[in-house]
Every structure is written in structure tokens, then in C-alpha cells.
Amino acid sequence: MDCLFCSILEGAIPSQKVYEDENVYAFRDINPQAPVHVLVIPKEHIPSADAVSAVNSGKVAAVFEAIPKIAKECGLEQGYRVITNVGEHGCQSVKHLHFHVLGGKQLSEKMD
């Protein structure tokens, strides 16, 4: 499998780690869209939110349990946004489920 995020997990591609546990890995986005822009991924390869099932939903739950810890570690006490993209029209650039955690400033209400 040729997956950028799996390569990051294997250590073949460097990243700026923010958080890690047995199910979740989080690292700084190389093209940040906000002062704080962290990508949070399950360690298990799940292609997108469309592939979440009863079999792997526990791994996704672990991601959402980790996100508040990550946000706190990143100083996002005043709030943050969590986004995932799905498929071509959703602009999913890496086919490994990931969540963008954005914050560090007042974010726009407009999402375009």
C-alpha cells in the first residue's frame, strides 16, 4: 500500500509529532491553515469516513477521545475546529482517515 500517512507512522517520512498513543498519532500539518493546524489519524489504515464500520469504529472513537487532549496540549482553550474531508469533491488529498484540528485564532464562520 502506498499511503503517505502510513509511511509517516512507519517513520519513513518525518513529521512533527504532537501526540501519540496505541491507537492515535497526531502531527503538525506541513501547510498550516491556522496558527495551530494538527492532523490526527488512527494508526489503523482506514481510507476515509466512508469506510468507518462497526469493525473499526472503536479506532475512530479513540481519535475523538484524543482530540480534546491534543487541543489542550496545543493551547486551544478558547475553541477549535475539527474537519475531515471525504473523496475527490471533499478535497481528500490523502486516502487515510484524518482529522484537521484548527485553532489559535478566531476562525471564520464561513466555510468555503
PDB file of N, CA and C in Angstrom:
ATOM      1  N   MET A   1       0.851  -1.178   0.000  1.00  0.00           N
ATOM      2  CA  MET A   1       0.000   0.000   0.000  1.00  0.00           C
ATOM      3  C   MET A   1       0.894   1.237   0.000  1.00  0.00           C
ATOM      4  N   ASP A   2       0.529   2.201  -0.806  1.00  0.00           N
ATOM      5  CA  ASP A   2       1.286   3.437  -0.910  1.00  0.00           C
ATOM      6  C   ASP A   2       0.483   4.549  -0.243  1.00  0.00           C
ATOM      7  N   CYS A   3       0.677   4.720   1.051  1.00  0.00           N
ATOM      8  CA  CYS A   3      -0.088   5.710   1.820  1.00  0.00           C
ATOM      9  C   CYS A   3       0.880   6.627   2.557  1.00  0.00           C
ATOM     10  N   LEU A   4       0.785   7.911   2.292  1.00  0.00           N
ATOM     11  CA  LEU A   4       1.649   8.903   2.924  1.00  0.00           C
ATOM     12  C   LEU A   4       1.592   8.811   4.450  1.00  0.00           C
ATOM     13  N   PHE A   5       0.389   8.736   5.017  1.00  0.00           N
ATOM     14  CA  PHE A   5       0.276   8.723   6.474  1.00  0.00           C
ATOM     15  C   PHE A   5       0.761   7.411   7.073  1.00  0.00           C
ATOM     16  N   CYS A   6       0.579   6.301   6.372  1.00  0.00           N
ATOM     17  CA  CYS A   6       1.141   5.034   6.855  1.00  0.00           C
ATOM     18  C   CYS A   6       2.666   5.113   6.853  1.00  0.00           C
ATOM     19  N   SER A   7       3.243   5.782   5.845  1.00  0.00           N
ATOM     20  CA  SER A   7       4.696   5.973   5.800  1.00  0.00           C
ATOM     21  C   SER A   7       5.173   6.844   6.955  1.00  0.00           C
ATOM     22  N   ILE A   8       4.391   7.839   7.319  1.00  0.00           N
ATOM     23  CA  ILE A   8       4.719   8.669   8.481  1.00  0.00           C
ATOM     24  C   ILE A   8       4.684   7.818   9.744  1.00  0.00           C
ATOM     25  N   LEU A   9       3.648   6.991   9.881  1.00  0.00           N
ATOM     26  CA  LEU A   9       3.537   6.118  11.053  1.00  0.00           C
ATOM     27  C   LEU A   9       4.713   5.155  11.156  1.00  0.00           C
ATOM     28  N   GLU A  10       5.195   4.667  10.011  1.00  0.00           N
ATOM     29  CA  GLU A  10       6.327   3.738   9.984  1.00  0.00           C
ATOM     30  C   GLU A  10       7.657   4.441  10.232  1.00  0.00           C
ATOM     31  N   GLY A  11       7.667   5.770  10.209  1.00  0.00           N
ATOM     32  CA  GLY A  11       8.897   6.524  10.409  1.00  0.00           C
ATOM     33  C   GLY A  11       9.697   6.748   9.135  1.00  0.00           C
ATOM     34  N   ALA A  12       9.155   6.326   7.994  1.00  0.00           N
ATOM     35  CA  ALA A  12       9.845   6.505   6.716  1.00  0.00           C
ATOM     36  C   ALA A  12       9.824   7.957   6.258  1.00  0.00           C
ATOM     37  N   ILE A  13       8.825   8.695   6.700  1.00  0.00           N
ATOM     38  CA  ILE A  13       8.696  10.119   6.385  1.00  0.00           C
ATOM     39  C   ILE A  13       8.625  10.857   7.721  1.00  0.00           C
ATOM     40  N   PRO A  14       9.448  11.885   7.908  1.00  0.00           N
ATOM     41  CA  PRO A  14       9.444  12.599   9.195  1.00  0.00           C
ATOM     42  C   PRO A  14       8.185  13.440   9.381  1.00  0.00           C
ATOM     43  N   SER A  15       7.853  13.672  10.640  1.00  0.00           N
ATOM     44  CA  SER A  15       6.727  14.539  10.988  1.00  0.00           C
ATOM     45  C   SER A  15       7.026  15.193  12.324  1.00  0.00           C
ATOM     46  N   GLN A  16       6.299  16.259  12.609  1.00  0.00           N
ATOM     47  CA  GLN A  16       6.413  16.936  13.905  1.00  0.00           C
ATOM     48  C   GLN A  16       5.312  16.390  14.805  1.00  0.00           C
ATOM     49  N   LYS A  17       5.649  15.359  15.559  1.00  0.00           N
ATOM     50  CA  LYS A  17       4.672  14.699  16.418  1.00  0.00           C
ATOM     51  C   LYS A  17       4.178  15.645  17.511  1.00  0.00           C
ATOM     52  N   VAL A  18       2.861  15.610  17.719  1.00  0.00           N
ATOM     53  CA  VAL A  18       2.216  16.377  18.774  1.00  0.00           C
ATOM     54  C   VAL A  18       1.694  15.434  19.849  1.00  0.00           C
ATOM     55  N   TYR A  19       1.253  14.245  19.427  1.00  0.00           N
ATOM     56  CA  TYR A  19       0.620  13.300  20.354  1.00  0.00           C
ATOM     57  C   TYR A  19       0.707  11.902  19.762  1.00  0.00           C
ATOM     58  N   GLU A  20       0.833  10.917  20.663  1.00  0.00           N
ATOM     59  CA  GLU A  20       0.784   9.529  20.218  1.00  0.00           C
ATOM     60  C   GLU A  20       0.338   8.640  21.366  1.00  0.00           C
ATOM     61  N   ASP A  21      -0.529   7.681  21.039  1.00  0.00           N
ATOM     62  CA  ASP A  21      -0.863   6.607  21.957  1.00  0.00           C
ATOM     63  C   ASP A  21      -0.979   5.330  21.127  1.00  0.00           C
ATOM     64  N   GLU A  22      -1.521   4.275  21.692  1.00  0.00           N
ATOM     65  CA  GLU A  22      -1.540   2.993  20.980  1.00  0.00           C
ATOM     66  C   GLU A  22      -2.436   2.988  19.745  1.00  0.00           C
ATOM     67  N   ASN A  23      -3.404   3.909  19.652  1.00  0.00           N
ATOM     68  CA  ASN A  23      -4.344   3.934  18.528  1.00  0.00           C
ATOM     69  C   ASN A  23      -4.276   5.173  17.653  1.00  0.00           C
ATOM     70  N   VAL A  24      -3.644   6.224  18.153  1.00  0.00           N
ATOM     71  CA  VAL A  24      -3.745   7.548  17.529  1.00  0.00           C
ATOM     72  C   VAL A  24      -2.367   8.168  17.368  1.00  0.00           C
ATOM     73  N   TYR A  25      -2.187   8.887  16.269  1.00  0.00           N
ATOM     74  CA  TYR A  25      -0.973   9.667  16.048  1.00  0.00           C
ATOM     75  C   TYR A  25      -1.411  11.054  15.572  1.00  0.00           C
ATOM     76  N   ALA A  26      -0.798  12.106  16.095  1.00  0.00           N
ATOM     77  CA  ALA A  26      -1.113  13.475  15.699  1.00  0.00           C
ATOM     78  C   ALA A  26       0.175  14.220  15.400  1.00  0.00           C
ATOM     79  N   PHE A  27       0.138  15.023  14.334  1.00  0.00           N
ATOM     80  CA  PHE A  27       1.327  15.756  13.914  1.00  0.00           C
ATOM     81  C   PHE A  27       0.926  17.063  13.245  1.00  0.00           C
ATOM     82  N   ARG A  28       1.873  17.984  13.195  1.00  0.00           N
ATOM     83  CA  ARG A  28       1.615  19.304  12.612  1.00  0.00           C
ATOM     84  C   ARG A  28       1.502  19.205  11.089  1.00  0.00           C
ATOM     85  N   ASP A  29       0.519  19.915  10.552  1.00  0.00           N
ATOM     86  CA  ASP A  29       0.328  19.969   9.105  1.00  0.00           C
ATOM     87  C   ASP A  29       1.483  20.759   8.485  1.00  0.00           C
ATOM     88  N   ILE A  30       1.996  20.287   7.350  1.00  0.00           N
ATOM     89  CA  ILE A  30       3.125  20.986   6.709  1.00  0.00           C
ATOM     90  C   ILE A  30       2.673  22.240   5.962  1.00  0.00           C
ATOM     91  N   ASN A  31       1.368  22.402   5.770  1.00  0.00           N
ATOM     92  CA  ASN A  31       0.818  23.586   5.112  1.00  0.00           C
ATOM     93  C   ASN A  31      -0.313  24.141   5.986  1.00  0.00           C
ATOM     94  N   PRO A  32       0.040  24.718   7.146  1.00  0.00           N
ATOM     95  CA  PRO A  32      -0.991  25.108   8.117  1.00  0.00           C
ATOM     96  C   PRO A  32      -1.951  26.172   7.590  1.00  0.00           C
ATOM     97  N   GLN A  33      -3.227  25.971   7.913  1.00  0.00           N
ATOM     98  CA  GLN A  33      -4.281  26.903   7.531  1.00  0.00           C
ATOM     99  C   GLN A  33      -4.723  27.772   8.711  1.00  0.00           C
ATOM    100  N   ALA A  34      -4.082  27.608   9.844  1.00  0.00           N
ATOM    101  CA  ALA A  34      -4.359  28.386  11.056  1.00  0.00           C
ATOM    102  C   ALA A  34      -3.085  28.343  11.900  1.00  0.00           C
ATOM    103  N   PRO A  35      -2.965  29.211  12.914  1.00  0.00           N
ATOM    104  CA  PRO A  35      -1.768  29.177  13.762  1.00  0.00           C
ATOM    105  C   PRO A  35      -1.494  27.789  14.350  1.00  0.00           C
ATOM    106  N   VAL A  36      -2.554  27.065  14.690  1.00  0.00           N
ATOM    107  CA  VAL A  36      -2.418  25.667  15.114  1.00  0.00           C
ATOM    108  C   VAL A  36      -3.178  24.830  14.097  1.00  0.00           C
ATOM    109  N   HIS A  37      -2.479  23.907  13.457  1.00  0.00           N
ATOM    110  CA  HIS A  37      -3.107  23.012  12.473  1.00  0.00           C
ATOM    111  C   HIS A  37      -2.456  21.649  12.643  1.00  0.00           C
ATOM    112  N   VAL A  38      -3.183  20.758  13.292  1.00  0.00           N
ATOM    113  CA  VAL A  38      -2.687  19.424  13.610  1.00  0.00           C
ATOM    114  C   VAL A  38      -3.542  18.398  12.878  1.00  0.00           C
ATOM    115  N   LEU A  39      -2.898  17.379  12.329  1.00  0.00           N
ATOM    116  CA  LEU A  39      -3.611  16.254  11.723  1.00  0.00           C
ATOM    117  C   LEU A  39      -3.634  15.113  12.726  1.00  0.00           C
ATOM    118  N   VAL A  40      -4.802  14.544  12.927  1.00  0.00           N
ATOM    119  CA  VAL A  40      -4.969  13.446  13.881  1.00  0.00           C
ATOM    120  C   VAL A  40      -5.459  12.234  13.099  1.00  0.00           C
ATOM    121  N   ILE A  41      -4.721  11.123  13.203  1.00  0.00           N
ATOM    122  CA  ILE A  41      -5.046   9.937  12.415  1.00  0.00           C
ATOM    123  C   ILE A  41      -5.129   8.693  13.290  1.00  0.00           C
ATOM    124  N   PRO A  42      -5.986   7.752  12.886  1.00  0.00           N
ATOM    125  CA  PRO A  42      -5.930   6.449  13.544  1.00  0.00           C
ATOM    126  C   PRO A  42      -4.699   5.709  13.028  1.00  0.00           C
ATOM    127  N   LYS A  43      -4.071   4.927  13.858  1.00  0.00           N
ATOM    128  CA  LYS A  43      -2.908   4.157  13.419  1.00  0.00           C
ATOM    129  C   LYS A  43      -3.312   3.040  12.454  1.00  0.00           C
ATOM    130  N   GLU A  44      -4.539   2.592  12.566  1.00  0.00           N
ATOM    131  CA  GLU A  44      -5.047   1.605  11.602  1.00  0.00           C
ATOM    132  C   GLU A  44      -5.431   2.340  10.326  1.00  0.00           C
ATOM    133  N   HIS A  45      -5.042   1.795   9.179  1.00  0.00           N
ATOM    134  CA  HIS A  45      -5.397   2.429   7.907  1.00  0.00           C
ATOM    135  C   HIS A  45      -6.889   2.257   7.649  1.00  0.00           C
ATOM    136  N   ILE A  46      -7.575   3.387   7.635  1.00  0.00           N
ATOM    137  CA  ILE A  46      -8.986   3.464   7.260  1.00  0.00           C
ATOM    138  C   ILE A  46      -9.019   4.506   6.150  1.00  0.00           C
ATOM    139  N   PRO A  47      -9.486   4.166   4.951  1.00  0.00           N
ATOM    140  CA  PRO A  47      -9.372   5.089   3.817  1.00  0.00           C
ATOM    141  C   PRO A  47     -10.061   6.442   3.978  1.00  0.00           C
ATOM    142  N   SER A  48     -11.242   6.480   4.592  1.00  0.00           N
ATOM    143  CA  SER A  48     -11.962   7.748   4.766  1.00  0.00           C
ATOM    144  C   SER A  48     -13.125   7.520   5.718  1.00  0.00           C
ATOM    145  N   ALA A  49     -13.871   8.574   5.985  1.00  0.00           N
ATOM    146  CA  ALA A  49     -15.052   8.445   6.844  1.00  0.00           C
ATOM    147  C   ALA A  49     -16.073   7.503   6.221  1.00  0.00           C
ATOM    148  N   ASP A  50     -16.075   7.372   4.906  1.00  0.00           N
ATOM    149  CA  ASP A  50     -16.976   6.433   4.237  1.00  0.00           C
ATOM    150  C   ASP A  50     -16.667   4.986   4.595  1.00  0.00           C
ATOM    151  N   ALA A  51     -15.474   4.707   5.071  1.00  0.00           N
ATOM    152  CA  ALA A  51     -15.063   3.340   5.385  1.00  0.00           C
ATOM    153  C   ALA A  51     -15.200   3.001   6.872  1.00  0.00           C
ATOM    154  N   VAL A  52     -15.766   3.909   7.663  1.00  0.00           N
ATOM    155  CA  VAL A  52     -15.964   3.626   9.084  1.00  0.00           C
ATOM    156  C   VAL A  52     -17.097   2.608   9.211  1.00  0.00           C
ATOM    157  N   SER A  53     -16.845   1.583  10.025  1.00  0.00           N
ATOM    158  CA  SER A  53     -17.813   0.491  10.185  1.00  0.00           C
ATOM    159  C   SER A  53     -17.846   0.047  11.646  1.00  0.00           C
ATOM    160  N   ALA A  54     -18.708  -0.899  11.926  1.00  0.00           N
ATOM    161  CA  ALA A  54     -18.775  -1.460  13.274  1.00  0.00           C
ATOM    162  C   ALA A  54     -17.456  -2.122  13.657  1.00  0.00           C
ATOM    163  N   VAL A  55     -16.720  -2.603  12.664  1.00  0.00           N
ATOM    164  CA  VAL A  55     -15.442  -3.282  12.919  1.00  0.00           C
ATOM    165  C   VAL A  55     -14.358  -2.300  13.367  1.00  0.00           C
ATOM    166  N   ASN A  56     -14.318  -1.085  12.776  1.00  0.00           N
ATOM    167  CA  ASN A  56     -13.223  -0.151  13.065  1.00  0.00           C
ATOM    168  C   ASN A  56     -13.655   1.119  13.796  1.00  0.00           C
ATOM    169  N   SER A  57     -14.923   1.238  14.131  1.00  0.00           N
ATOM    170  CA  SER A  57     -15.400   2.485  14.758  1.00  0.00           C
ATOM    171  C   SER A  57     -14.760   2.750  16.119  1.00  0.00           C
ATOM    172  N   GLY A  58     -14.290   1.728  16.793  1.00  0.00           N
ATOM    173  CA  GLY A  58     -13.584   1.934  18.054  1.00  0.00           C
ATOM    174  C   GLY A  58     -12.295   2.707  17.865  1.00  0.00           C
ATOM    175  N   LYS A  59     -11.627   2.489  16.737  1.00  0.00           N
ATOM    176  CA  LYS A  59     -10.395   3.237  16.425  1.00  0.00           C
ATOM    177  C   LYS A  59     -10.720   4.706  16.179  1.00  0.00           C
ATOM    178  N   VAL A  60     -11.851   4.961  15.541  1.00  0.00           N
ATOM    179  CA  VAL A  60     -12.275   6.339  15.288  1.00  0.00           C
ATOM    180  C   VAL A  60     -12.681   7.001  16.601  1.00  0.00           C
ATOM    181  N   ALA A  61     -13.348   6.255  17.470  1.00  0.00           N
ATOM    182  CA  ALA A  61     -13.706   6.788  18.786  1.00  0.00           C
ATOM    183  C   ALA A  61     -12.445   7.178  19.554  1.00  0.00           C
ATOM    184  N   ALA A  62     -11.390   6.371  19.436  1.00  0.00           N
ATOM    185  CA  ALA A  62     -10.123   6.686  20.114  1.00  0.00           C
ATOM    186  C   ALA A  62      -9.557   8.012  19.616  1.00  0.00           C
ATOM    187  N   VAL A  63      -9.718   8.288  18.324  1.00  0.00           N
ATOM    188  CA  VAL A  63      -9.267   9.574  17.768  1.00  0.00           C
ATOM    189  C   VAL A  63     -10.028  10.707  18.440  1.00  0.00           C
ATOM    190  N   PHE A  64     -11.346  10.566  18.537  1.00  0.00           N
ATOM    191  CA  PHE A  64     -12.149  11.638  19.132  1.00  0.00           C
ATOM    192  C   PHE A  64     -11.934  11.766  20.634  1.00  0.00           C
ATOM    193  N   GLU A  65     -11.531  10.712  21.288  1.00  0.00           N
ATOM    194  CA  GLU A  65     -11.166  10.819  22.700  1.00  0.00           C
ATOM    195  C   GLU A  65      -9.837  11.537  22.867  1.00  0.00           C
ATOM    196  N   ALA A  66      -8.944  11.415  21.873  1.00  0.00           N
ATOM    197  CA  ALA A  66      -7.631  12.060  21.932  1.00  0.00           C
ATOM    198  C   ALA A  66      -7.686  13.537  21.549  1.00  0.00           C
ATOM    199  N   ILE A  67      -8.617  13.918  20.689  1.00  0.00           N
ATOM    200  CA  ILE A  67      -8.643  15.297  20.180  1.00  0.00           C
ATOM    201  C   ILE A  67      -8.710  16.347  21.294  1.00  0.00           C
ATOM    202  N   PRO A  68      -9.552  16.225  22.315  1.00  0.00           N
ATOM    203  CA  PRO A  68      -9.533  17.247  23.377  1.00  0.00           C
ATOM    204  C   PRO A  68      -8.191  17.331  24.110  1.00  0.00           C
ATOM    205  N   LYS A  69      -7.526  16.204  24.295  1.00  0.00           N
ATOM    206  CA  LYS A  69      -6.192  16.210  24.923  1.00  0.00           C
ATOM    207  C   LYS A  69      -5.204  16.966  24.039  1.00  0.00           C
ATOM    208  N   ILE A  70      -5.254  16.684  22.749  1.00  0.00           N
ATOM    209  CA  ILE A  70      -4.352  17.335  21.794  1.00  0.00           C
ATOM    210  C   ILE A  70      -4.620  18.841  21.771  1.00  0.00           C
ATOM    211  N   ALA A  71      -5.897  19.215  21.713  1.00  0.00           N
ATOM    212  CA  ALA A  71      -6.257  20.636  21.693  1.00  0.00           C
ATOM    213  C   ALA A  71      -5.744  21.347  22.940  1.00  0.00           C
ATOM    214  N   LYS A  72      -5.887  20.708  24.088  1.00  0.00           N
ATOM    215  CA  LYS A  72      -5.401  21.310  25.335  1.00  0.00           C
ATOM    216  C   LYS A  72      -3.886  21.470  25.302  1.00  0.00           C
ATOM    217  N   GLU A  73      -3.177  20.420  24.846  1.00  0.00           N
ATOM    218  CA  GLU A  73      -1.710  20.488  24.752  1.00  0.00           C
ATOM    219  C   GLU A  73      -1.253  21.592  23.803  1.00  0.00           C
ATOM    220  N   CYS A  74      -2.083  21.901  22.807  1.00  0.00           N
ATOM    221  CA  CYS A  74      -1.743  22.930  21.821  1.00  0.00           C
ATOM    222  C   CYS A  74      -2.231  24.316  22.230  1.00  0.00           C
ATOM    223  N   GLY A  75      -2.823  24.440  23.425  1.00  0.00           N
ATOM    224  CA  GLY A  75      -3.253  25.738  23.926  1.00  0.00           C
ATOM    225  C   GLY A  75      -4.542  26.255  23.317  1.00  0.00           C
ATOM    226  N   LEU A  76      -5.417  25.364  22.891  1.00  0.00           N
ATOM    227  CA  LEU A  76      -6.650  25.786  22.227  1.00  0.00           C
ATOM    228  C   LEU A  76      -7.825  25.866  23.195  1.00  0.00           C
ATOM    229  N   GLU A  77      -7.612  26.526  24.327  1.00  0.00           N
ATOM    230  CA  GLU A  77      -8.644  26.626  25.358  1.00  0.00           C
ATOM    231  C   GLU A  77      -9.866  27.431  24.910  1.00  0.00           C
ATOM    232  N   GLN A  78      -9.704  28.336  23.946  1.00  0.00           N
ATOM    233  CA  GLN A  78     -10.826  29.176  23.514  1.00  0.00           C
ATOM    234  C   GLN A  78     -11.630  28.551  22.379  1.00  0.00           C
ATOM    235  N   GLY A  79     -11.253  27.370  21.960  1.00  0.00           N
ATOM    236  CA  GLY A  79     -12.011  26.682  20.921  1.00  0.00           C
ATOM    237  C   GLY A  79     -11.158  26.288  19.733  1.00  0.00           C
ATOM    238  N   TYR A  80     -11.720  25.418  18.913  1.00  0.00           N
ATOM    239  CA  TYR A  80     -11.035  24.890  17.737  1.00  0.00           C
ATOM    240  C   TYR A  80     -12.053  24.253  16.807  1.00  0.00           C
ATOM    241  N   ARG A  81     -11.616  23.925  15.620  1.00  0.00           N
ATOM    242  CA  ARG A  81     -12.466  23.287  14.615  1.00  0.00           C
ATOM    243  C   ARG A  81     -11.863  21.934  14.273  1.00  0.00           C
ATOM    244  N   VAL A  82     -12.736  20.936  14.059  1.00  0.00           N
ATOM    245  CA  VAL A  82     -12.311  19.605  13.628  1.00  0.00           C
ATOM    246  C   VAL A  82     -12.974  19.332  12.284  1.00  0.00           C
ATOM    247  N   ILE A  83     -12.152  18.984  11.287  1.00  0.00           N
ATOM    248  CA  ILE A  83     -12.657  18.779   9.927  1.00  0.00           C
ATOM    249  C   ILE A  83     -12.084  17.481   9.369  1.00  0.00           C
ATOM    250  N   THR A  84     -12.903  16.759   8.607  1.00  0.00           N
ATOM    251  CA  THR A  84     -12.396  15.662   7.793  1.00  0.00           C
ATOM    252  C   THR A  84     -12.948  15.831   6.386  1.00  0.00           C
ATOM    253  N   ASN A  85     -12.158  15.478   5.414  1.00  0.00           N
ATOM    254  CA  ASN A  85     -12.552  15.559   4.011  1.00  0.00           C
ATOM    255  C   ASN A  85     -12.765  14.140   3.492  1.00  0.00           C
ATOM    256  N   VAL A  86     -13.747  13.978   2.601  1.00  0.00           N
ATOM    257  CA  VAL A  86     -14.056  12.657   2.061  1.00  0.00           C
ATOM    258  C   VAL A  86     -14.153  12.740   0.543  1.00  0.00           C
ATOM    259  N   GLY A  87     -13.329  11.964  -0.126  1.00  0.00           N
ATOM    260  CA  GLY A  87     -13.412  11.837  -1.575  1.00  0.00           C
ATOM    261  C   GLY A  87     -12.918  13.044  -2.346  1.00  0.00           C
ATOM    262  N   GLU A  88     -12.991  12.901  -3.651  1.00  0.00           N
ATOM    263  CA  GLU A  88     -12.477  13.927  -4.564  1.00  0.00           C
ATOM    264  C   GLU A  88     -13.183  15.270  -4.389  1.00  0.00           C
ATOM    265  N   HIS A  89     -14.504  15.271  -4.354  1.00  0.00           N
ATOM    266  CA  HIS A  89     -15.239  16.536  -4.217  1.00  0.00           C
ATOM    267  C   HIS A  89     -15.094  17.130  -2.832  1.00  0.00           C
ATOM    268  N   GLY A  90     -14.750  16.315  -1.853  1.00  0.00           N
ATOM    269  CA  GLY A  90     -14.491  16.806  -0.499  1.00  0.00           C
ATOM    270  C   GLY A  90     -13.045  17.213  -0.295  1.00  0.00           C
ATOM    271  N   CYS A  91     -12.243  17.120  -1.361  1.00  0.00           N
ATOM    272  CA  CYS A  91     -10.821  17.513  -1.359  1.00  0.00           C
ATOM    273  C   CYS A  91      -9.971  16.653  -0.424  1.00  0.00           C
ATOM    274  N   GLN A  92     -10.271  15.360  -0.352  1.00  0.00           N
ATOM    275  CA  GLN A  92      -9.445  14.458   0.443  1.00  0.00           C
ATOM    276  C   GLN A  92      -8.171  14.170  -0.346  1.00  0.00           C
ATOM    277  N   SER A  93      -7.049  14.677   0.118  1.00  0.00           N
ATOM    278  CA  SER A  93      -5.789  14.529  -0.615  1.00  0.00           C
ATOM    279  C   SER A  93      -5.015  13.281  -0.219  1.00  0.00           C
ATOM    280  N   VAL A  94      -5.217  12.770   0.984  1.00  0.00           N
ATOM    281  CA  VAL A  94      -4.552  11.547   1.439  1.00  0.00           C
ATOM    282  C   VAL A  94      -5.649  10.554   1.813  1.00  0.00           C
ATOM    283  N   LYS A  95      -5.605   9.390   1.213  1.00  0.00           N
ATOM    284  CA  LYS A  95      -6.658   8.379   1.414  1.00  0.00           C
ATOM    285  C   LYS A  95      -6.407   7.560   2.679  1.00  0.00           C
ATOM    286  N   HIS A  96      -6.277   8.267   3.790  1.00  0.00           N
ATOM    287  CA  HIS A  96      -6.160   7.687   5.133  1.00  0.00           C
ATOM    288  C   HIS A  96      -6.968   8.622   6.008  1.00  0.00           C
ATOM    289  N   LEU A  97      -7.975   8.097   6.679  1.00  0.00           N
ATOM    290  CA  LEU A  97      -8.842   8.929   7.503  1.00  0.00           C
ATOM    291  C   LEU A  97      -8.005   9.841   8.390  1.00  0.00           C
ATOM    292  N   HIS A  98      -8.289  11.123   8.328  1.00  0.00           N
ATOM    293  CA  HIS A  98      -7.578  12.076   9.176  1.00  0.00           C
ATOM    294  C   HIS A  98      -8.486  13.255   9.490  1.00  0.00           C
ATOM    295  N   PHE A  99      -8.204  13.846  10.629  1.00  0.00           N
ATOM    296  CA  PHE A  99      -8.978  14.975  11.106  1.00  0.00           C
ATOM    297  C   PHE A  99      -8.054  16.161  11.293  1.00  0.00           C
ATOM    298  N   HIS A 100      -8.441  17.290  10.731  1.00  0.00           N
ATOM    299  CA  HIS A 100      -7.707  18.536  10.889  1.00  0.00           C
ATOM    300  C   HIS A 100      -8.222  19.212  12.156  1.00  0.00           C
ATOM    301  N   VAL A 101      -7.329  19.550  13.058  1.00  0.00           N
ATOM    302  CA  VAL A 101      -7.674  20.333  14.243  1.00  0.00           C
ATOM    303  C   VAL A 101      -7.065  21.707  14.021  1.00  0.00           C
ATOM    304  N   LEU A 102      -7.928  22.716  13.906  1.00  0.00           N
ATOM    305  CA  LEU A 102      -7.515  24.077  13.567  1.00  0.00           C
ATOM    306  C   LEU A 102      -7.897  25.032  14.683  1.00  0.00           C
ATOM    307  N   GLY A 103      -7.005  25.939  15.005  1.00  0.00           N
ATOM    308  CA  GLY A 103      -7.300  26.942  16.022  1.00  0.00           C
ATOM    309  C   GLY A 103      -6.151  27.885  16.225  1.00  0.00           C
ATOM    310  N   GLY A 104      -6.173  28.541  17.360  1.00  0.00           N
ATOM    311  CA  GLY A 104      -5.124  29.501  17.678  1.00  0.00           C
ATOM    312  C   GLY A 104      -5.466  30.927  17.298  1.00  0.00           C
ATOM    313  N   LYS A 105      -6.660  31.128  16.741  1.00  0.00           N
ATOM    314  CA  LYS A 105      -7.178  32.458  16.412  1.00  0.00           C
ATOM    315  C   LYS A 105      -8.679  32.325  16.229  1.00  0.00           C
ATOM    316  N   GLN A 106      -9.356  33.442  16.123  1.00  0.00           N
ATOM    317  CA  GLN A 106     -10.793  33.422  15.813  1.00  0.00           C
ATOM    318  C   GLN A 106     -10.942  32.931  14.381  1.00  0.00           C
ATOM    319  N   LEU A 107     -11.597  31.804  14.179  1.00  0.00           N
ATOM    320  CA  LEU A 107     -11.806  31.259  12.841  1.00  0.00           C
ATOM    321  C   LEU A 107     -13.035  31.873  12.215  1.00  0.00           C
ATOM    322  N   SER A 108     -13.040  31.930  10.906  1.00  0.00           N
ATOM    323  CA  SER A 108     -14.184  32.461  10.159  1.00  0.00           C
ATOM    324  C   SER A 108     -15.376  31.530  10.275  1.00  0.00           C
ATOM    325  N   GLU A 109     -16.570  32.105  10.321  1.00  0.00           N
ATOM    326  CA  GLU A 109     -17.779  31.284  10.306  1.00  0.00           C
ATOM    327  C   GLU A 109     -18.020  30.688   8.927  1.00  0.00           C
ATOM    328  N   LYS A 110     -17.465  31.336   7.916  1.00  0.00           N
ATOM    329  CA  LYS A 110     -17.655  30.910   6.531  1.00  0.00           C
ATOM    330  C   LYS A 110     -16.744  29.721   6.236  1.00  0.00           C
ATOM    331  N   MET A 111     -17.308  28.695   5.641  1.00  0.00           N
ATOM    332  CA  MET A 111     -16.543  27.505   5.293  1.00  0.00           C
ATOM    333  C   MET A 111     -16.644  27.307   3.789  1.00  0.00           C
ATOM    334  N   ASP A 112     -15.703  27.865   3.031  1.00  0.00           N
ATOM    335  CA  ASP A 112     -15.745  27.655   1.580  1.00  0.00           C
ATOM    336  C   ASP A 112     -14.417  27.292   1.017  1.00  0.00           C
TER     337      ASP A 112
END
